[in-house]
N, C-alpha and C. Protein backbone atom coordinates (compact mmCIF):
# COMPACT_ATOMS: atom_id res chain seq x y z
N MET A 1 -74.37 57.33 -67.92
CA MET A 1 -73.57 56.27 -68.68
C MET A 1 -73.89 54.78 -68.35
N SER A 2 -73.98 54.13 -69.42
CA SER A 2 -74.26 52.70 -69.23
C SER A 2 -73.23 51.90 -68.86
N SER A 3 -73.16 50.69 -68.17
CA SER A 3 -71.98 50.17 -67.76
C SER A 3 -71.47 49.34 -68.68
N ASN A 4 -72.06 49.05 -69.92
CA ASN A 4 -71.44 48.30 -70.90
C ASN A 4 -70.88 49.13 -72.20
N LYS A 5 -70.96 50.48 -71.87
CA LYS A 5 -70.33 51.41 -72.76
C LYS A 5 -68.75 51.04 -72.88
N ILE A 6 -68.30 51.12 -74.21
CA ILE A 6 -66.87 50.69 -74.60
C ILE A 6 -65.99 52.20 -74.07
N ASP A 7 -64.76 51.85 -73.70
CA ASP A 7 -63.73 52.89 -73.46
C ASP A 7 -62.76 52.69 -74.53
N ARG A 8 -61.90 53.76 -74.73
CA ARG A 8 -60.72 53.61 -75.58
C ARG A 8 -59.82 52.40 -75.40
N GLN A 9 -59.50 52.08 -74.12
CA GLN A 9 -58.65 50.87 -73.72
C GLN A 9 -59.31 49.57 -74.31
N THR A 10 -60.41 49.43 -74.19
CA THR A 10 -61.19 48.24 -74.75
C THR A 10 -60.93 48.16 -76.52
N LEU A 11 -61.17 49.55 -76.79
CA LEU A 11 -61.14 49.36 -78.49
C LEU A 11 -59.79 49.19 -78.83
N ILE A 12 -58.66 49.63 -78.21
CA ILE A 12 -57.28 49.41 -78.54
C ILE A 12 -57.11 47.95 -78.28
N GLN A 13 -57.65 47.32 -77.41
CA GLN A 13 -57.46 45.96 -77.16
C GLN A 13 -58.06 45.06 -78.17
N GLY A 14 -58.95 45.43 -78.72
CA GLY A 14 -59.71 44.93 -79.95
C GLY A 14 -58.98 44.89 -81.05
N LEU A 15 -58.53 46.26 -81.25
CA LEU A 15 -57.84 46.68 -82.67
C LEU A 15 -56.40 45.80 -82.50
N ASN A 16 -55.94 45.67 -81.54
CA ASN A 16 -54.68 44.95 -81.45
C ASN A 16 -55.05 43.32 -81.68
N GLU A 17 -55.97 42.81 -81.54
CA GLU A 17 -56.52 41.36 -81.75
C GLU A 17 -56.53 41.48 -83.29
N ASP A 18 -57.03 42.57 -83.60
CA ASP A 18 -57.38 42.65 -85.36
C ASP A 18 -55.93 42.47 -86.07
N LEU A 19 -55.08 43.27 -85.32
CA LEU A 19 -53.74 43.39 -85.85
C LEU A 19 -53.02 42.14 -85.82
N ALA A 20 -52.98 41.54 -84.73
CA ALA A 20 -52.51 40.12 -84.85
C ALA A 20 -53.10 39.33 -85.86
N ASN A 21 -54.34 39.19 -86.16
CA ASN A 21 -54.90 38.60 -87.11
C ASN A 21 -54.56 39.09 -88.49
N GLU A 22 -54.20 40.24 -88.79
CA GLU A 22 -53.75 40.74 -90.14
C GLU A 22 -52.26 40.26 -90.30
N TYR A 23 -51.45 40.36 -89.12
CA TYR A 23 -50.21 39.78 -89.26
C TYR A 23 -50.17 38.23 -89.66
N GLN A 24 -51.01 37.39 -89.02
CA GLN A 24 -51.44 36.28 -89.40
C GLN A 24 -51.72 35.80 -90.83
N ALA A 25 -52.64 36.82 -91.32
CA ALA A 25 -52.94 36.77 -92.79
C ALA A 25 -51.81 36.89 -93.66
N VAL A 26 -51.16 37.94 -93.64
CA VAL A 26 -50.00 37.98 -94.41
C VAL A 26 -48.97 36.90 -94.40
N ILE A 27 -48.56 36.32 -93.12
CA ILE A 27 -47.78 35.27 -93.11
C ILE A 27 -48.44 33.90 -93.84
N THR A 28 -49.73 33.75 -93.61
CA THR A 28 -50.50 32.70 -94.12
C THR A 28 -50.48 32.76 -95.44
N TYR A 29 -50.81 33.79 -96.06
CA TYR A 29 -50.89 34.01 -97.55
C TYR A 29 -49.49 33.71 -98.08
N LEU A 30 -48.55 34.40 -97.43
CA LEU A 30 -47.05 34.35 -97.90
C LEU A 30 -46.64 32.87 -97.81
N THR A 31 -46.83 32.13 -96.84
CA THR A 31 -46.29 30.71 -96.75
C THR A 31 -47.33 29.77 -97.56
N TYR A 32 -48.45 30.10 -97.53
CA TYR A 32 -49.38 29.23 -98.70
C TYR A 32 -48.95 29.45 -99.92
N ALA A 33 -48.50 30.79 -100.43
CA ALA A 33 -48.08 30.86 -102.02
C ALA A 33 -46.81 30.18 -102.16
N ALA A 34 -45.95 30.10 -101.01
CA ALA A 34 -44.61 29.54 -101.47
C ALA A 34 -44.76 27.82 -101.45
N CYS A 35 -45.59 27.40 -100.71
CA CYS A 35 -45.54 26.06 -100.27
C CYS A 35 -46.90 25.29 -101.22
N VAL A 36 -47.83 25.96 -101.88
CA VAL A 36 -48.66 25.32 -102.26
C VAL A 36 -48.35 24.53 -103.63
N SER A 37 -48.77 23.06 -103.82
CA SER A 37 -48.40 22.34 -104.92
C SER A 37 -49.54 21.56 -105.61
N GLY A 38 -49.24 21.13 -106.78
CA GLY A 38 -50.25 20.12 -107.25
C GLY A 38 -50.65 20.84 -108.51
N ILE A 39 -51.81 20.37 -109.34
CA ILE A 39 -52.25 20.80 -110.50
C ILE A 39 -52.72 22.25 -110.55
N HIS A 40 -53.09 22.91 -109.45
CA HIS A 40 -53.76 24.05 -109.41
C HIS A 40 -52.63 25.24 -108.59
N ARG A 41 -51.34 24.76 -108.72
CA ARG A 41 -50.23 25.59 -107.96
C ARG A 41 -50.33 27.11 -108.40
N GLN A 42 -50.12 27.05 -109.78
CA GLN A 42 -50.02 28.42 -110.22
C GLN A 42 -51.06 29.40 -109.96
N GLU A 43 -52.16 29.06 -110.18
CA GLU A 43 -53.41 29.85 -109.98
C GLU A 43 -53.59 30.11 -108.47
N LEU A 44 -53.30 28.98 -107.55
CA LEU A 44 -53.43 29.28 -106.03
C LEU A 44 -52.38 30.12 -105.67
N LYS A 45 -51.17 29.96 -106.04
CA LYS A 45 -49.98 30.88 -105.68
C LYS A 45 -50.18 32.39 -106.01
N GLU A 46 -50.90 32.55 -107.04
CA GLU A 46 -51.22 34.05 -107.49
C GLU A 46 -52.40 34.45 -106.78
N PHE A 47 -53.37 33.71 -106.43
CA PHE A 47 -54.55 34.19 -105.53
C PHE A 47 -53.96 34.43 -104.28
N PHE A 48 -53.13 33.80 -103.48
CA PHE A 48 -52.43 33.98 -102.26
C PHE A 48 -51.76 35.08 -102.35
N GLU A 49 -50.60 35.27 -103.38
CA GLU A 49 -49.86 36.31 -103.39
C GLU A 49 -50.69 37.57 -103.59
N LYS A 50 -51.50 37.97 -104.18
CA LYS A 50 -52.52 38.85 -104.48
C LYS A 50 -53.04 39.49 -103.22
N GLU A 51 -53.34 38.60 -102.06
CA GLU A 51 -53.79 38.96 -100.98
C GLU A 51 -52.91 39.53 -99.93
N ILE A 52 -51.56 39.43 -100.15
CA ILE A 52 -50.48 39.86 -99.20
C ILE A 52 -50.69 41.40 -98.87
N GLN A 53 -50.34 42.11 -100.07
CA GLN A 53 -50.32 43.70 -99.89
C GLN A 53 -51.56 44.25 -99.13
N GLU A 54 -52.85 43.75 -99.57
CA GLU A 54 -54.04 44.31 -99.10
C GLU A 54 -54.07 44.16 -97.45
N GLU A 55 -53.70 42.80 -97.15
CA GLU A 55 -53.65 42.57 -95.48
C GLU A 55 -52.55 43.35 -95.12
N LEU A 56 -51.68 43.65 -95.61
CA LEU A 56 -50.37 44.26 -94.98
C LEU A 56 -51.09 45.86 -94.77
N LEU A 57 -51.66 46.40 -95.81
CA LEU A 57 -52.06 47.59 -95.80
C LEU A 57 -53.11 47.69 -94.76
N HIS A 58 -53.89 46.72 -94.39
CA HIS A 58 -54.83 46.79 -93.26
C HIS A 58 -54.00 46.80 -91.89
N ALA A 59 -53.13 45.86 -91.91
CA ALA A 59 -52.07 45.73 -90.60
C ALA A 59 -51.42 47.19 -90.37
N GLN A 60 -50.99 47.84 -91.43
CA GLN A 60 -50.34 49.23 -91.29
C GLN A 60 -51.50 50.15 -90.84
N PHE A 61 -52.75 50.13 -91.40
CA PHE A 61 -53.45 51.07 -90.96
C PHE A 61 -53.88 50.93 -89.48
N LEU A 62 -54.15 49.55 -88.97
CA LEU A 62 -54.36 49.24 -87.62
C LEU A 62 -53.48 49.69 -86.74
N ALA A 63 -52.01 49.29 -87.09
CA ALA A 63 -51.05 49.78 -86.07
C ALA A 63 -50.95 51.19 -85.86
N ASN A 64 -51.03 52.17 -86.99
CA ASN A 64 -51.14 53.56 -86.99
C ASN A 64 -52.27 54.10 -86.08
N LYS A 65 -53.60 53.35 -86.19
CA LYS A 65 -54.67 53.67 -85.52
C LYS A 65 -54.45 53.56 -84.11
N ILE A 66 -53.97 52.30 -83.67
CA ILE A 66 -53.69 51.95 -82.37
C ILE A 66 -52.80 53.09 -81.58
N ALA A 67 -51.71 53.48 -82.40
CA ALA A 67 -50.89 54.28 -81.71
C ALA A 67 -51.42 55.80 -81.47
N ALA A 68 -52.17 56.21 -82.61
CA ALA A 68 -52.93 57.44 -82.62
C ALA A 68 -53.75 57.45 -81.32
N LEU A 69 -54.41 56.37 -80.97
CA LEU A 69 -55.34 56.21 -79.72
C LEU A 69 -54.53 56.33 -78.46
N GLY A 70 -53.13 56.14 -78.67
CA GLY A 70 -52.46 56.03 -77.44
C GLY A 70 -51.85 54.61 -76.93
N GLY A 71 -52.23 53.66 -77.81
CA GLY A 71 -51.75 52.35 -77.59
C GLY A 71 -50.68 51.88 -78.13
N GLN A 72 -50.25 50.61 -77.72
CA GLN A 72 -49.07 50.18 -78.22
C GLN A 72 -49.29 49.06 -79.33
N PRO A 73 -48.96 49.05 -80.52
CA PRO A 73 -49.43 47.85 -81.46
C PRO A 73 -48.55 46.78 -81.14
N THR A 74 -49.33 45.41 -81.23
CA THR A 74 -48.73 44.29 -80.79
C THR A 74 -47.87 44.02 -81.96
N THR A 75 -46.78 43.17 -81.61
CA THR A 75 -45.82 42.65 -82.57
C THR A 75 -45.86 41.02 -82.81
N VAL A 76 -46.79 40.61 -82.41
CA VAL A 76 -47.09 39.12 -82.29
C VAL A 76 -48.23 38.64 -82.98
N PRO A 77 -48.06 37.87 -84.17
CA PRO A 77 -49.24 37.52 -84.81
C PRO A 77 -50.06 36.46 -84.20
N THR A 78 -51.33 36.14 -84.63
CA THR A 78 -52.05 35.01 -84.21
C THR A 78 -51.24 33.74 -84.88
N ARG A 79 -51.63 32.51 -84.05
CA ARG A 79 -50.91 31.32 -84.65
C ARG A 79 -51.30 31.10 -86.42
N VAL A 80 -50.25 30.83 -87.06
CA VAL A 80 -50.62 30.40 -88.27
C VAL A 80 -50.89 28.75 -88.83
N PRO A 81 -52.03 28.54 -89.30
CA PRO A 81 -52.30 27.25 -89.21
C PRO A 81 -51.58 26.81 -90.54
N TYR A 82 -50.54 25.66 -90.42
CA TYR A 82 -49.73 25.27 -91.63
C TYR A 82 -50.26 23.96 -92.05
N THR A 83 -50.37 24.12 -93.40
CA THR A 83 -50.61 22.69 -94.08
C THR A 83 -50.12 22.60 -95.60
N GLU A 84 -49.96 21.57 -96.22
CA GLU A 84 -49.29 21.59 -97.47
C GLU A 84 -50.49 21.31 -98.35
N ASN A 85 -51.69 20.86 -97.74
CA ASN A 85 -52.87 20.36 -98.54
C ASN A 85 -53.64 21.53 -99.13
N PRO A 86 -53.52 21.98 -100.57
CA PRO A 86 -54.10 23.01 -101.08
C PRO A 86 -55.55 23.40 -100.65
N LYS A 87 -56.48 22.28 -100.39
CA LYS A 87 -57.84 22.52 -100.20
C LYS A 87 -58.00 22.97 -98.77
N GLU A 88 -57.31 22.40 -97.89
CA GLU A 88 -57.19 22.77 -96.54
C GLU A 88 -56.52 24.29 -96.42
N MET A 89 -55.70 24.69 -97.32
CA MET A 89 -55.19 25.98 -97.27
C MET A 89 -56.69 26.99 -97.50
N LEU A 90 -57.38 26.47 -98.57
CA LEU A 90 -58.42 27.42 -98.94
C LEU A 90 -59.36 27.55 -97.78
N GLU A 91 -59.51 26.33 -97.24
CA GLU A 91 -60.59 26.13 -95.80
C GLU A 91 -60.27 27.02 -94.79
N ASN A 92 -58.83 27.10 -94.63
CA ASN A 92 -58.11 27.93 -93.62
C ASN A 92 -58.49 29.35 -93.83
N VAL A 93 -58.17 29.59 -95.12
CA VAL A 93 -58.29 31.09 -95.51
C VAL A 93 -59.87 31.41 -95.29
N LEU A 94 -60.76 30.62 -95.71
CA LEU A 94 -62.17 30.92 -95.63
C LEU A 94 -62.56 31.07 -94.18
N SER A 95 -62.17 30.23 -93.18
CA SER A 95 -62.41 30.25 -91.76
C SER A 95 -61.93 31.72 -91.28
N ALA A 96 -60.61 31.96 -91.76
CA ALA A 96 -60.05 33.10 -91.19
C ALA A 96 -60.79 34.38 -91.59
N GLU A 97 -61.17 34.43 -92.79
CA GLU A 97 -61.80 35.68 -93.44
C GLU A 97 -63.21 35.71 -92.87
N THR A 98 -63.84 34.60 -92.46
CA THR A 98 -65.18 34.62 -91.81
C THR A 98 -65.13 35.26 -90.42
N GLU A 99 -64.01 34.75 -89.97
CA GLU A 99 -63.96 35.37 -88.27
C GLU A 99 -63.45 36.90 -88.20
N THR A 100 -62.55 37.19 -89.26
CA THR A 100 -62.13 38.55 -89.63
C THR A 100 -63.46 39.46 -89.71
N ILE A 101 -64.20 39.20 -90.67
CA ILE A 101 -65.27 39.91 -90.88
C ILE A 101 -66.26 40.17 -89.65
N LYS A 102 -66.31 39.03 -88.59
CA LYS A 102 -67.15 39.15 -87.42
C LYS A 102 -66.55 40.17 -86.57
N ARG A 103 -65.14 39.91 -86.44
CA ARG A 103 -64.48 40.95 -85.46
C ARG A 103 -64.31 42.28 -85.94
N TYR A 104 -64.32 42.51 -87.35
CA TYR A 104 -64.45 43.80 -87.74
C TYR A 104 -65.93 44.59 -87.78
N VAL A 105 -66.87 43.91 -87.81
CA VAL A 105 -68.24 44.34 -87.53
C VAL A 105 -68.31 44.68 -86.15
N GLN A 106 -67.93 43.90 -85.14
CA GLN A 106 -68.10 44.39 -83.87
C GLN A 106 -67.08 45.64 -83.48
N ARG A 107 -65.89 45.49 -84.07
CA ARG A 107 -65.10 46.82 -83.86
C ARG A 107 -65.69 47.98 -84.48
N MET A 108 -66.17 47.76 -85.53
CA MET A 108 -67.02 49.07 -86.19
C MET A 108 -68.08 49.51 -85.27
N LYS A 109 -68.78 48.59 -84.72
CA LYS A 109 -69.76 49.12 -83.56
C LYS A 109 -69.08 49.79 -82.58
N GLN A 110 -68.13 49.12 -82.06
CA GLN A 110 -67.28 49.80 -80.92
C GLN A 110 -66.84 51.09 -81.30
N ALA A 111 -66.36 51.33 -82.32
CA ALA A 111 -65.75 52.57 -82.69
C ALA A 111 -66.99 53.61 -82.65
N GLU A 112 -68.02 53.28 -83.23
CA GLU A 112 -69.34 54.08 -83.40
C GLU A 112 -69.81 54.41 -82.01
N GLU A 113 -69.83 53.60 -81.17
CA GLU A 113 -70.18 53.77 -79.81
C GLU A 113 -69.27 54.72 -78.99
N LEU A 114 -67.95 54.85 -79.23
CA LEU A 114 -66.93 55.53 -78.77
C LEU A 114 -67.09 56.95 -79.46
N GLY A 115 -67.80 57.01 -80.68
CA GLY A 115 -67.68 58.38 -81.33
C GLY A 115 -66.56 58.52 -82.55
N ASP A 116 -65.93 57.48 -82.57
CA ASP A 116 -64.93 57.61 -83.73
C ASP A 116 -65.43 57.04 -84.98
N TYR A 117 -66.14 58.02 -85.80
CA TYR A 117 -66.92 57.61 -86.85
C TYR A 117 -65.88 57.46 -88.14
N GLY A 118 -64.60 58.16 -88.04
CA GLY A 118 -63.80 57.97 -89.06
C GLY A 118 -63.16 56.52 -89.20
N LEU A 119 -63.01 55.87 -87.97
CA LEU A 119 -62.50 54.61 -87.72
C LEU A 119 -63.62 53.70 -88.28
N ALA A 120 -64.94 54.03 -87.68
CA ALA A 120 -66.05 53.37 -88.12
C ALA A 120 -66.15 52.96 -89.70
N ASN A 121 -65.81 54.15 -90.30
CA ASN A 121 -66.07 54.13 -91.61
C ASN A 121 -64.87 53.56 -92.34
N ASP A 122 -63.65 53.75 -91.85
CA ASP A 122 -62.30 52.95 -92.20
C ASP A 122 -62.68 51.33 -92.27
N LEU A 123 -63.21 51.02 -91.01
CA LEU A 123 -63.60 49.54 -90.84
C LEU A 123 -64.65 48.84 -91.84
N HIS A 124 -65.49 49.96 -92.06
CA HIS A 124 -66.30 49.51 -92.93
C HIS A 124 -65.81 49.12 -94.42
N ASP A 125 -64.91 49.92 -94.66
CA ASP A 125 -64.13 49.65 -96.00
C ASP A 125 -63.33 48.35 -95.98
N ILE A 126 -62.66 48.21 -95.01
CA ILE A 126 -61.93 46.95 -94.65
C ILE A 126 -62.86 45.78 -94.66
N ILE A 127 -64.24 45.84 -94.27
CA ILE A 127 -65.10 44.63 -94.08
C ILE A 127 -65.40 44.36 -95.68
N SER A 128 -65.54 45.44 -96.39
CA SER A 128 -65.83 45.18 -97.72
C SER A 128 -64.81 44.59 -98.53
N ASP A 129 -63.46 44.76 -97.93
CA ASP A 129 -62.41 44.12 -98.67
C ASP A 129 -62.42 42.61 -98.15
N GLU A 130 -62.50 42.41 -96.93
CA GLU A 130 -62.38 41.10 -96.34
C GLU A 130 -63.65 40.09 -97.06
N THR A 131 -64.76 40.87 -97.18
CA THR A 131 -65.99 40.09 -97.78
C THR A 131 -65.79 39.75 -99.35
N ARG A 132 -64.89 40.46 -99.86
CA ARG A 132 -64.41 39.99 -101.21
C ARG A 132 -63.52 38.89 -101.17
N HIS A 133 -62.48 38.85 -100.33
CA HIS A 133 -61.71 37.79 -100.01
C HIS A 133 -62.50 36.57 -99.80
N LYS A 134 -63.39 36.79 -99.03
CA LYS A 134 -64.28 35.61 -98.55
C LYS A 134 -64.95 34.92 -99.70
N GLU A 135 -65.62 35.81 -100.60
CA GLU A 135 -66.52 35.33 -101.46
C GLU A 135 -65.61 34.87 -102.76
N GLU A 136 -64.26 35.27 -102.90
CA GLU A 136 -63.38 34.72 -103.77
C GLU A 136 -62.87 33.35 -103.40
N THR A 137 -62.82 33.39 -102.31
CA THR A 137 -62.28 31.81 -101.69
C THR A 137 -63.38 30.76 -101.66
N GLU A 138 -64.51 31.45 -101.38
CA GLU A 138 -65.87 30.43 -101.47
C GLU A 138 -66.19 30.05 -103.05
N LYS A 139 -65.72 30.84 -104.07
CA LYS A 139 -65.88 30.63 -105.50
C LYS A 139 -64.66 29.27 -105.69
N ILE A 140 -63.58 29.71 -105.51
CA ILE A 140 -62.59 28.73 -105.76
C ILE A 140 -62.93 27.31 -105.19
N LEU A 141 -63.31 27.50 -103.75
CA LEU A 141 -63.66 25.96 -103.17
C LEU A 141 -64.82 25.28 -103.77
N LYS A 142 -65.71 26.28 -104.21
CA LYS A 142 -66.90 25.48 -104.72
C LYS A 142 -66.62 24.65 -105.90
N GLY A 143 -65.64 25.04 -106.83
CA GLY A 143 -65.18 24.32 -107.85
C GLY A 143 -64.02 23.56 -107.60
N TYR A 144 -63.51 23.54 -106.51
CA TYR A 144 -62.29 22.79 -106.31
C TYR A 144 -62.41 21.27 -106.32
N HIS A 145 -61.62 20.73 -107.32
CA HIS A 145 -61.51 19.31 -107.21
C HIS A 145 -60.01 18.65 -107.34
N GLY A 146 -59.19 19.45 -106.52
CA GLY A 146 -57.87 19.21 -106.66
C GLY A 146 -57.55 18.31 -105.37
N ASP A 147 -56.31 18.51 -104.94
CA ASP A 147 -55.69 17.56 -103.93
C ASP A 147 -56.49 17.26 -102.70
C-alpha cells in the first residue's frame, strides 16, 4: 500500500470542507438575493434564489454521506463574503464556484481511490451542477455593465 493512499478519515474531512462551503453557498445566495439592489435587482435576485435549493440539496447529500461513512457532519459554514455591490456579488459567486469545482474534482479522485465509486459518480454529477452555475455566472458578468 502506498503512503499517499487516502483513508476514510481523510475523505470525511474533505467532505466536511465541502459541506461547510455548501452551507456558505446557501447563505451567500440567500443574503445576496435579499440585499442586491440597482437596475438589475430583479434578474439577479431571481438568479441567486434559483441556486439556493440546489446548493441545499448538495449540502444534504454531503451531510448524509459523511454520517454514512461514520463521520460527524460539520455545522459551521465557511465565511460568507458580504458585499452590497452587485458586480462584487457575482465575482464572489464565480470565485466560490471555481474553487468548489476544484475541491469536488479532488474529492471525486479520493472517492475513487478509496473504492467508493457511487460517491465518485455522485460527485461527478455535482461537478456538472457547479460547472453550470459557474458558466451562468460568467455569462452574466461578461455582459454586466451595472453598479
